[in-house]
């Protein structure tokens, strides 16, 4: 295999893996943030009206 082509293949694969790692890291951060912050709950106010939380 030509050395230039081989180094291009390695660089391309490295870019793919870095992009995949970034996406994975972002998903993990979103999941962690959702765990820390509870979902909003609807509350009943005075006289039974629904008040957004």
PDB file of N, CA and C in Angstrom:
ATOM      1  N   UNK A   1       0.839  -1.172   0.000  1.00  0.00           N
ATOM      2  CA  UNK A   1       0.000   0.000   0.000  1.00  0.00           C
ATOM      3  C   UNK A   1       0.890   1.242   0.000  1.00  0.00           C
ATOM      4  N   UNK A   2       0.473   2.253  -0.700  1.00  0.00           N
ATOM      5  CA  UNK A   2       1.241   3.496  -0.788  1.00  0.00           C
ATOM      6  C   UNK A   2       1.217   4.187   0.576  1.00  0.00           C
ATOM      7  N   UNK A   3       2.370   4.637   1.069  1.00  0.00           N
ATOM      8  CA  UNK A   3       2.420   5.258   2.404  1.00  0.00           C
ATOM      9  C   UNK A   3       1.502   6.473   2.554  1.00  0.00           C
ATOM     10  N   UNK A   4       1.405   7.304   1.497  1.00  0.00           N
ATOM     11  CA  UNK A   4       0.538   8.486   1.595  1.00  0.00           C
ATOM     12  C   UNK A   4      -0.923   8.075   1.747  1.00  0.00           C
ATOM     13  N   UNK A   5      -1.326   7.079   0.968  1.00  0.00           N
ATOM     14  CA  UNK A   5      -2.703   6.601   1.032  1.00  0.00           C
ATOM     15  C   UNK A   5      -2.985   5.987   2.399  1.00  0.00           C
ATOM     16  N   UNK A   6      -2.035   5.238   2.906  1.00  0.00           N
ATOM     17  CA  UNK A   6      -2.188   4.603   4.213  1.00  0.00           C
ATOM     18  C   UNK A   6      -2.343   5.657   5.308  1.00  0.00           C
ATOM     19  N   UNK A   7      -1.545   6.707   5.260  1.00  0.00           N
ATOM     20  CA  UNK A   7      -1.654   7.761   6.275  1.00  0.00           C
ATOM     21  C   UNK A   7      -2.976   8.520   6.132  1.00  0.00           C
ATOM     22  N   UNK A   8      -3.472   8.669   4.898  1.00  0.00           N
ATOM     23  CA  UNK A   8      -4.779   9.305   4.697  1.00  0.00           C
ATOM     24  C   UNK A   8      -5.895   8.443   5.287  1.00  0.00           C
ATOM     25  N   UNK A   9      -5.786   7.132   5.094  1.00  0.00           N
ATOM     26  CA  UNK A   9      -6.785   6.224   5.664  1.00  0.00           C
ATOM     27  C   UNK A   9      -6.781   6.306   7.185  1.00  0.00           C
ATOM     28  N   UNK A  10      -5.605   6.348   7.773  1.00  0.00           N
ATOM     29  CA  UNK A  10      -5.489   6.439   9.230  1.00  0.00           C
ATOM     30  C   UNK A  10      -6.091   7.754   9.726  1.00  0.00           C
ATOM     31  N   UNK A  11      -5.793   8.850   9.052  1.00  0.00           N
ATOM     32  CA  UNK A  11      -6.323  10.158   9.450  1.00  0.00           C
ATOM     33  C   UNK A  11      -7.846  10.181   9.332  1.00  0.00           C
ATOM     34  N   UNK A  12      -8.380   9.592   8.262  1.00  0.00           N
ATOM     35  CA  UNK A  12      -9.828   9.551   8.064  1.00  0.00           C
ATOM     36  C   UNK A  12     -10.497   8.731   9.161  1.00  0.00           C
ATOM     37  N   UNK A  13      -9.921   7.586   9.472  1.00  0.00           N
ATOM     38  CA  UNK A  13     -10.486   6.717  10.515  1.00  0.00           C
ATOM     39  C   UNK A  13     -10.398   7.399  11.879  1.00  0.00           C
ATOM     40  N   UNK A  14      -9.305   8.102  12.128  1.00  0.00           N
ATOM     41  CA  UNK A  14      -9.148   8.832  13.383  1.00  0.00           C
ATOM     42  C   UNK A  14     -10.232   9.900  13.518  1.00  0.00           C
ATOM     43  N   UNK A  15     -10.519  10.619  12.429  1.00  0.00           N
ATOM     44  CA  UNK A  15     -11.589  11.623  12.451  1.00  0.00           C
ATOM     45  C   UNK A  15     -12.943  10.982  12.748  1.00  0.00           C
ATOM     46  N   UNK A  16     -13.212   9.817  12.131  1.00  0.00           N
ATOM     47  CA  UNK A  16     -14.469   9.110  12.391  1.00  0.00           C
ATOM     48  C   UNK A  16     -14.586   8.723  13.860  1.00  0.00           C
ATOM     49  N   UNK A  17     -13.517   8.169  14.417  1.00  0.00           N
ATOM     50  CA  UNK A  17     -13.546   7.728  15.811  1.00  0.00           C
ATOM     51  C   UNK A  17     -13.692   8.902  16.777  1.00  0.00           C
ATOM     52  N   UNK A  18     -13.038  10.014  16.480  1.00  0.00           N
ATOM     53  CA  UNK A  18     -13.167  11.193  17.336  1.00  0.00           C
ATOM     54  C   UNK A  18     -14.591  11.749  17.295  1.00  0.00           C
ATOM     55  N   UNK A  19     -15.206  11.766  16.123  1.00  0.00           N
ATOM     56  CA  UNK A  19     -16.589  12.243  16.002  1.00  0.00           C
ATOM     57  C   UNK A  19     -17.536  11.323  16.772  1.00  0.00           C
ATOM     58  N   UNK A  20     -17.302  10.018  16.683  1.00  0.00           N
ATOM     59  CA  UNK A  20     -18.130   9.058  17.414  1.00  0.00           C
ATOM     60  C   UNK A  20     -17.958   9.233  18.924  1.00  0.00           C
ATOM     61  N   UNK A  21     -16.748   9.479  19.369  1.00  0.00           N
ATOM     62  CA  UNK A  21     -16.488   9.697  20.796  1.00  0.00           C
ATOM     63  C   UNK A  21     -17.165  10.976  21.283  1.00  0.00           C
ATOM     64  N   UNK A  22     -17.140  12.024  20.463  1.00  0.00           N
ATOM     65  CA  UNK A  22     -17.814  13.275  20.832  1.00  0.00           C
ATOM     66  C   UNK A  22     -19.315  13.066  20.980  1.00  0.00           C
ATOM     67  N   UNK A  23     -19.912  12.338  20.042  1.00  0.00           N
ATOM     68  CA  UNK A  23     -21.350  12.073  20.104  1.00  0.00           C
ATOM     69  C   UNK A  23     -21.690  11.255  21.344  1.00  0.00           C
ATOM     70  N   UNK A  24     -20.872  10.263  21.635  1.00  0.00           N
ATOM     71  CA  UNK A  24     -21.094   9.427  22.811  1.00  0.00           C
ATOM     72  C   UNK A  24     -20.974  10.245  24.088  1.00  0.00           C
ATOM     73  N   UNK A  25     -19.983  11.108  24.149  1.00  0.00           N
ATOM     74  CA  UNK A  25     -19.783  11.964  25.330  1.00  0.00           C
ATOM     75  C   UNK A  25     -20.977  12.894  25.525  1.00  0.00           C
ATOM     76  N   UNK A  26     -21.481  13.454  24.434  1.00  0.00           N
ATOM     77  CA  UNK A  26     -22.627  14.356  24.512  1.00  0.00           C
ATOM     78  C   UNK A  26     -23.865  13.618  25.024  1.00  0.00           C
ATOM     79  N   UNK A  27     -24.104  12.409  24.511  1.00  0.00           N
ATOM     80  CA  UNK A  27     -25.245  11.622  24.977  1.00  0.00           C
ATOM     81  C   UNK A  27     -25.126  11.303  26.461  1.00  0.00           C
ATOM     82  N   UNK A  28     -23.924  10.968  26.899  1.00  0.00           N
ATOM     83  CA  UNK A  28     -23.713  10.649  28.315  1.00  0.00           C
ATOM     84  C   UNK A  28     -23.965  11.876  29.189  1.00  0.00           C
ATOM     85  N   UNK A  29     -23.521  13.050  28.739  1.00  0.00           N
ATOM     86  CA  UNK A  29     -23.750  14.275  29.506  1.00  0.00           C
ATOM     87  C   UNK A  29     -25.240  14.593  29.600  1.00  0.00           C
ATOM     88  N   UNK A  30     -25.982  14.380  28.516  1.00  0.00           N
ATOM     89  CA  UNK A  30     -27.425  14.627  28.533  1.00  0.00           C
ATOM     90  C   UNK A  30     -28.108  13.672  29.497  1.00  0.00           C
ATOM     91  N   UNK A  31     -27.744  12.391  29.453  1.00  0.00           N
ATOM     92  CA  UNK A  31     -28.329  11.411  30.377  1.00  0.00           C
ATOM     93  C   UNK A  31     -28.039  11.770  31.824  1.00  0.00           C
ATOM     94  N   UNK A  32     -26.808  12.169  32.109  1.00  0.00           N
ATOM     95  CA  UNK A  32     -26.440  12.548  33.475  1.00  0.00           C
ATOM     96  C   UNK A  32     -27.219  13.776  33.929  1.00  0.00           C
ATOM     97  N   UNK A  33     -27.409  14.739  33.045  1.00  0.00           N
ATOM     98  CA  UNK A  33     -28.157  15.949  33.398  1.00  0.00           C
ATOM     99  C   UNK A  33     -29.619  15.620  33.680  1.00  0.00           C
ATOM    100  N   UNK A  34     -30.192  14.695  32.909  1.00  0.00           N
ATOM    101  CA  UNK A  34     -31.585  14.310  33.144  1.00  0.00           C
ATOM    102  C   UNK A  34     -31.739  13.594  34.474  1.00  0.00           C
ATOM    103  N   UNK A  35     -30.742  12.825  34.878  1.00  0.00           N
ATOM    104  CA  UNK A  35     -30.804  12.132  36.168  1.00  0.00           C
ATOM    105  C   UNK A  35     -30.750  13.125  37.323  1.00  0.00           C
ATOM    106  N   UNK A  36     -29.920  14.156  37.195  1.00  0.00           N
ATOM    107  CA  UNK A  36     -29.747  15.122  38.273  1.00  0.00           C
ATOM    108  C   UNK A  36     -30.975  16.008  38.443  1.00  0.00           C
ATOM    109  N   UNK A  37     -31.592  16.411  37.345  1.00  0.00           N
ATOM    110  CA  UNK A  37     -32.716  17.341  37.408  1.00  0.00           C
ATOM    111  C   UNK A  37     -34.020  16.556  37.284  1.00  0.00           C
ATOM    112  N   UNK A  38     -34.871  16.593  38.299  1.00  0.00           N
ATOM    113  CA  UNK A  38     -36.131  15.847  38.213  1.00  0.00           C
ATOM    114  C   UNK A  38     -37.084  16.474  37.191  1.00  0.00           C
ATOM    115  N   UNK A  39     -37.979  15.668  36.699  1.00  0.00           N
ATOM    116  CA  UNK A  39     -38.972  16.153  35.744  1.00  0.00           C
ATOM    117  C   UNK A  39     -39.939  17.096  36.454  1.00  0.00           C
ATOM    118  N   UNK A  40     -40.515  18.026  35.720  1.00  0.00           N
ATOM    119  CA  UNK A  40     -41.491  18.957  36.287  1.00  0.00           C
ATOM    120  C   UNK A  40     -42.779  18.203  36.599  1.00  0.00           C
ATOM    121  N   UNK A  41     -43.374  18.546  37.725  1.00  0.00           N
ATOM    122  CA  UNK A  41     -44.627  17.911  38.125  1.00  0.00           C
ATOM    123  C   UNK A  41     -45.730  18.960  38.093  1.00  0.00           C
ATOM    124  N   UNK A  42     -46.913  18.531  37.722  1.00  0.00           N
ATOM    125  CA  UNK A  42     -48.049  19.443  37.731  1.00  0.00           C
ATOM    126  C   UNK A  42     -48.621  19.456  39.141  1.00  0.00           C
ATOM    127  N   UNK A  43     -48.967  20.635  39.604  1.00  0.00           N
ATOM    128  CA  UNK A  43     -49.525  20.776  40.946  1.00  0.00           C
ATOM    129  C   UNK A  43     -50.945  21.305  40.848  1.00  0.00           C
ATOM    130  N   UNK A  44     -51.728  20.964  41.829  1.00  0.00           N
ATOM    131  CA  UNK A  44     -53.077  21.513  41.921  1.00  0.00           C
ATOM    132  C   UNK A  44     -53.029  22.693  42.866  1.00  0.00           C
ATOM    133  N   UNK A  45     -53.510  23.805  42.378  1.00  0.00           N
ATOM    134  CA  UNK A  45     -53.542  25.002  43.205  1.00  0.00           C
ATOM    135  C   UNK A  45     -54.825  25.064  44.010  1.00  0.00           C
ATOM    136  N   UNK A  46     -55.050  26.193  44.553  1.00  0.00           N
ATOM    137  CA  UNK A  46     -56.260  26.445  45.310  1.00  0.00           C
ATOM    138  C   UNK A  46     -57.468  26.269  44.395  1.00  0.00           C
ATOM    139  N   UNK A  47     -58.502  25.665  44.850  1.00  0.00           N
ATOM    140  CA  UNK A  47     -59.746  25.425  44.117  1.00  0.00           C
ATOM    141  C   UNK A  47     -59.578  24.424  42.973  1.00  0.00           C
ATOM    142  N   UNK A  48     -58.520  23.617  42.982  1.00  0.00           N
ATOM    143  CA  UNK A  48     -58.370  22.523  42.033  1.00  0.00           C
ATOM    144  C   UNK A  48     -57.897  22.909  40.644  1.00  0.00           C
ATOM    145  N   UNK A  49     -57.483  24.133  40.421  1.00  0.00           N
ATOM    146  CA  UNK A  49     -56.953  24.519  39.110  1.00  0.00           C
ATOM    147  C   UNK A  49     -55.554  23.931  38.948  1.00  0.00           C
ATOM    148  N   UNK A  50     -55.229  23.533  37.747  1.00  0.00           N
ATOM    149  CA  UNK A  50     -53.899  22.974  37.500  1.00  0.00           C
ATOM    150  C   UNK A  50     -52.939  24.121  37.213  1.00  0.00           C
ATOM    151  N   UNK A  51     -51.884  24.178  37.988  1.00  0.00           N
ATOM    152  CA  UNK A  51     -50.868  25.215  37.846  1.00  0.00           C
ATOM    153  C   UNK A  51     -49.604  24.553  37.312  1.00  0.00           C
ATOM    154  N   UNK A  52     -49.049  25.050  36.210  1.00  0.00           N
ATOM    155  CA  UNK A  52     -47.795  24.450  35.727  1.00  0.00           C
ATOM    156  C   UNK A  52     -46.667  24.664  36.726  1.00  0.00           C
ATOM    157  N   UNK A  53     -45.833  23.656  36.851  1.00  0.00           N
ATOM    158  CA  UNK A  53     -44.730  23.734  37.821  1.00  0.00           C
ATOM    159  C   UNK A  53     -43.635  24.634  37.317  1.00  0.00           C
TER     160      UNK A  53
END
